[in-house]
């Protein structure tokens, strides 16, 4: 049974930090891309960051570059999203997802439909 379990969300003030975790089980973790997506009320789901679990290649959307860091611990089948310098516009439900790499070796960041497995989400709220 495939499971992705997120944790680490919460409420912080602008400028603060949070670290999200996603524990994966039930599938071949190392051959997949692991992505973090977010969805704010009334907005479409957007890709935030992704990492190829097998090789560590990382991908970020422009709005979080330099502030967020995605990493993995393959021994624990866990992916992390370290979020620093948080802004009110980062407020959203954050989801972890797993899916295959593209034929070109990239992780899909802007195609959530390419991800096969999803976690239940963890809420991140940033106050100004």
C-alpha atoms as a PDB file:
ATOM      1  CA  UNK A   1       0.000   0.000   0.000  1.00  0.00           C
ATOM      2  CA  UNK A   2       1.480   3.316  -1.099  1.00  0.00           C
ATOM      3  CA  UNK A   3       1.618   5.965   1.578  1.00  0.00           C
ATOM      4  CA  UNK A   4       2.947   9.495   1.653  1.00  0.00           C
ATOM      5  CA  UNK A   5       2.641  11.136   5.038  1.00  0.00           C
ATOM      6  CA  UNK A   6       3.429  14.818   5.407  1.00  0.00           C
ATOM      7  CA  UNK A   7       4.230  16.590   8.642  1.00  0.00           C
ATOM      8  CA  UNK A   8       5.754  19.829   9.851  1.00  0.00           C
ATOM      9  CA  UNK A   9       3.203  22.411   8.819  1.00  0.00           C
ATOM     10  CA  UNK A  10       2.092  25.155  11.142  1.00  0.00           C
ATOM     11  CA  UNK A  11       1.688  28.873  11.648  1.00  0.00           C
ATOM     12  CA  UNK A  12       4.622  31.267  11.758  1.00  0.00           C
ATOM     13  CA  UNK A  13       5.208  34.938  11.212  1.00  0.00           C
ATOM     14  CA  UNK A  14       6.639  36.336   8.021  1.00  0.00           C
ATOM     15  CA  UNK A  15      10.376  35.855   7.895  1.00  0.00           C
ATOM     16  CA  UNK A  16      10.192  32.636   9.879  1.00  0.00           C
ATOM     17  CA  UNK A  17      11.030  29.076   8.895  1.00  0.00           C
ATOM     18  CA  UNK A  18       9.357  25.701   8.733  1.00  0.00           C
ATOM     19  CA  UNK A  19      10.540  22.275   7.666  1.00  0.00           C
ATOM     20  CA  UNK A  20       8.091  19.905   6.052  1.00  0.00           C
ATOM     21  CA  UNK A  21       8.683  16.153   5.956  1.00  0.00           C
ATOM     22  CA  UNK A  22       7.207  13.494   3.714  1.00  0.00           C
ATOM     23  CA  UNK A  23       7.654   9.856   4.670  1.00  0.00           C
ATOM     24  CA  UNK A  24       7.117   7.452   1.784  1.00  0.00           C
ATOM     25  CA  UNK A  25       6.339   3.753   1.809  1.00  0.00           C
ATOM     26  CA  UNK A  26       4.864   1.058  -0.408  1.00  0.00           C
ATOM     27  CA  UNK A  27       6.680   1.842  -3.674  1.00  0.00           C
ATOM     28  CA  UNK A  28      10.180   1.989  -5.147  1.00  0.00           C
ATOM     29  CA  UNK A  29      11.129   5.304  -3.650  1.00  0.00           C
ATOM     30  CA  UNK A  30      14.566   5.673  -5.232  1.00  0.00           C
ATOM     31  CA  UNK A  31      13.312   5.478  -8.814  1.00  0.00           C
ATOM     32  CA  UNK A  32      10.817   8.287  -8.412  1.00  0.00           C
ATOM     33  CA  UNK A  33      10.680  12.021  -8.335  1.00  0.00           C
ATOM     34  CA  UNK A  34       9.313  13.447  -5.119  1.00  0.00           C
ATOM     35  CA  UNK A  35       7.577  16.767  -5.393  1.00  0.00           C
ATOM     36  CA  UNK A  36       6.099  19.381  -3.122  1.00  0.00           C
ATOM     37  CA  UNK A  37       3.027  21.171  -4.361  1.00  0.00           C
ATOM     38  CA  UNK A  38       0.848  23.786  -2.712  1.00  0.00           C
ATOM     39  CA  UNK A  39      -2.664  25.062  -3.094  1.00  0.00           C
ATOM     40  CA  UNK A  40      -4.057  28.237  -1.586  1.00  0.00           C
ATOM     41  CA  UNK A  41      -7.805  28.833  -1.308  1.00  0.00           C
ATOM     42  CA  UNK A  42      -9.237  29.852  -4.659  1.00  0.00           C
ATOM     43  CA  UNK A  43      -6.008  29.142  -6.509  1.00  0.00           C
ATOM     44  CA  UNK A  44      -4.723  26.301  -8.632  1.00  0.00           C
ATOM     45  CA  UNK A  45      -2.289  23.790  -7.268  1.00  0.00           C
ATOM     46  CA  UNK A  46       1.283  24.785  -8.092  1.00  0.00           C
ATOM     47  CA  UNK A  47       4.569  22.944  -8.036  1.00  0.00           C
ATOM     48  CA  UNK A  48       7.026  24.277  -5.496  1.00  0.00           C
ATOM     49  CA  UNK A  49      10.014  21.946  -5.600  1.00  0.00           C
ATOM     50  CA  UNK A  50      10.947  18.479  -6.730  1.00  0.00           C
ATOM     51  CA  UNK A  51      13.846  16.103  -6.295  1.00  0.00           C
ATOM     52  CA  UNK A  52      14.874  12.929  -8.025  1.00  0.00           C
ATOM     53  CA  UNK A  53      15.169  10.499  -5.137  1.00  0.00           C
ATOM     54  CA  UNK A  54      17.686   8.338  -6.963  1.00  0.00           C
ATOM     55  CA  UNK A  55      20.183  11.018  -7.911  1.00  0.00           C
ATOM     56  CA  UNK A  56      19.321  14.156  -5.982  1.00  0.00           C
ATOM     57  CA  UNK A  57      18.652  16.534  -8.876  1.00  0.00           C
ATOM     58  CA  UNK A  58      16.477  19.372  -7.628  1.00  0.00           C
ATOM     59  CA  UNK A  59      13.972  21.679  -9.275  1.00  0.00           C
ATOM     60  CA  UNK A  60      12.338  24.835  -7.901  1.00  0.00           C
ATOM     61  CA  UNK A  61       9.712  27.262  -9.003  1.00  0.00           C
ATOM     62  CA  UNK A  62      11.057  30.794  -9.308  1.00  0.00           C
ATOM     63  CA  UNK A  63       9.139  32.244  -6.379  1.00  0.00           C
ATOM     64  CA  UNK A  64      10.875  29.995  -3.843  1.00  0.00           C
ATOM     65  CA  UNK A  65      14.413  29.849  -5.237  1.00  0.00           C
ATOM     66  CA  UNK A  66      16.893  30.917  -2.616  1.00  0.00           C
ATOM     67  CA  UNK A  67      14.348  30.483   0.176  1.00  0.00           C
ATOM     68  CA  UNK A  68      13.256  26.836   0.010  1.00  0.00           C
ATOM     69  CA  UNK A  69      15.464  23.758  -0.100  1.00  0.00           C
ATOM     70  CA  UNK A  70      14.278  20.276  -0.975  1.00  0.00           C
ATOM     71  CA  UNK A  71      16.360  17.344   0.243  1.00  0.00           C
ATOM     72  CA  UNK A  72      16.060  13.631   0.809  1.00  0.00           C
ATOM     73  CA  UNK A  73      17.150  10.970   3.225  1.00  0.00           C
ATOM     74  CA  UNK A  74      17.055   7.757   1.248  1.00  0.00           C
ATOM     75  CA  UNK A  75      17.753   5.676   4.319  1.00  0.00           C
ATOM     76  CA  UNK A  76      14.466   6.895   5.739  1.00  0.00           C
ATOM     77  CA  UNK A  77      12.560   7.176   2.426  1.00  0.00           C
ATOM     78  CA  UNK A  78      11.833  10.739   3.463  1.00  0.00           C
ATOM     79  CA  UNK A  79      11.849  14.025   1.610  1.00  0.00           C
ATOM     80  CA  UNK A  80      12.110  17.392   3.301  1.00  0.00           C
ATOM     81  CA  UNK A  81      11.229  20.923   2.340  1.00  0.00           C
ATOM     82  CA  UNK A  82      13.115  23.517   4.354  1.00  0.00           C
ATOM     83  CA  UNK A  83      11.300  26.819   4.016  1.00  0.00           C
ATOM     84  CA  UNK A  84      13.054  29.999   5.111  1.00  0.00           C
ATOM     85  CA  UNK A  85      12.161  33.679   4.805  1.00  0.00           C
ATOM     86  CA  UNK A  86       8.516  32.741   4.639  1.00  0.00           C
ATOM     87  CA  UNK A  87       6.031  35.218   3.222  1.00  0.00           C
ATOM     88  CA  UNK A  88       2.272  35.542   3.645  1.00  0.00           C
ATOM     89  CA  UNK A  89       1.892  34.465   0.015  1.00  0.00           C
ATOM     90  CA  UNK A  90       3.433  31.104   0.932  1.00  0.00           C
ATOM     91  CA  UNK A  91       0.282  30.328   2.911  1.00  0.00           C
ATOM     92  CA  UNK A  92      -1.280  27.185   1.454  1.00  0.00           C
ATOM     93  CA  UNK A  93      -1.912  23.506   1.923  1.00  0.00           C
ATOM     94  CA  UNK A  94       1.310  21.738   1.008  1.00  0.00           C
ATOM     95  CA  UNK A  95       1.213  18.304  -0.577  1.00  0.00           C
ATOM     96  CA  UNK A  96       3.898  15.720  -1.152  1.00  0.00           C
ATOM     97  CA  UNK A  97       3.691  13.646  -4.317  1.00  0.00           C
ATOM     98  CA  UNK A  98       5.608  10.868  -6.068  1.00  0.00           C
ATOM     99  CA  UNK A  99       5.895  10.209  -9.753  1.00  0.00           C
ATOM    100  CA  UNK A 100       8.220   9.177 -12.569  1.00  0.00           C
ATOM    101  CA  UNK A 101      10.943  11.244 -14.156  1.00  0.00           C
ATOM    102  CA  UNK A 102      10.500  12.602 -17.654  1.00  0.00           C
ATOM    103  CA  UNK A 103      12.275  10.848 -20.509  1.00  0.00           C
ATOM    104  CA  UNK A 104      14.739  13.723 -20.425  1.00  0.00           C
ATOM    105  CA  UNK A 105      15.606  12.967 -16.822  1.00  0.00           C
ATOM    106  CA  UNK A 106      13.769  15.873 -15.256  1.00  0.00           C
ATOM    107  CA  UNK A 107      11.194  15.896 -12.508  1.00  0.00           C
ATOM    108  CA  UNK A 108       7.926  17.422 -13.547  1.00  0.00           C
ATOM    109  CA  UNK A 109       7.359  20.573 -11.525  1.00  0.00           C
ATOM    110  CA  UNK A 110       4.503  22.095 -13.486  1.00  0.00           C
ATOM    111  CA  UNK A 111       2.619  18.909 -14.311  1.00  0.00           C
ATOM    112  CA  UNK A 112       0.909  17.640 -11.196  1.00  0.00           C
ATOM    113  CA  UNK A 113      -0.949  15.119 -13.384  1.00  0.00           C
ATOM    114  CA  UNK A 114       2.338  13.240 -13.840  1.00  0.00           C
ATOM    115  CA  UNK A 115       2.446  12.369 -10.151  1.00  0.00           C
ATOM    116  CA  UNK A 116       0.803   9.092  -9.233  1.00  0.00           C
ATOM    117  CA  UNK A 117       0.745   9.250  -5.478  1.00  0.00           C
ATOM    118  CA  UNK A 118      -0.216  12.057  -3.124  1.00  0.00           C
ATOM    119  CA  UNK A 119      -0.174  12.705   0.578  1.00  0.00           C
ATOM    120  CA  UNK A 120      -3.000  14.191   2.569  1.00  0.00           C
ATOM    121  CA  UNK A 121      -1.408  17.618   2.870  1.00  0.00           C
ATOM    122  CA  UNK A 122      -0.152  19.809   5.687  1.00  0.00           C
ATOM    123  CA  UNK A 123      -1.257  23.399   6.260  1.00  0.00           C
ATOM    124  CA  UNK A 124       1.240  26.240   6.259  1.00  0.00           C
ATOM    125  CA  UNK A 125       0.025  29.644   7.427  1.00  0.00           C
ATOM    126  CA  UNK A 126       2.239  32.722   7.386  1.00  0.00           C
ATOM    127  CA  UNK A 127       1.081  35.855   9.149  1.00  0.00           C
ATOM    128  CA  UNK A 128       2.348  39.337   8.351  1.00  0.00           C
END
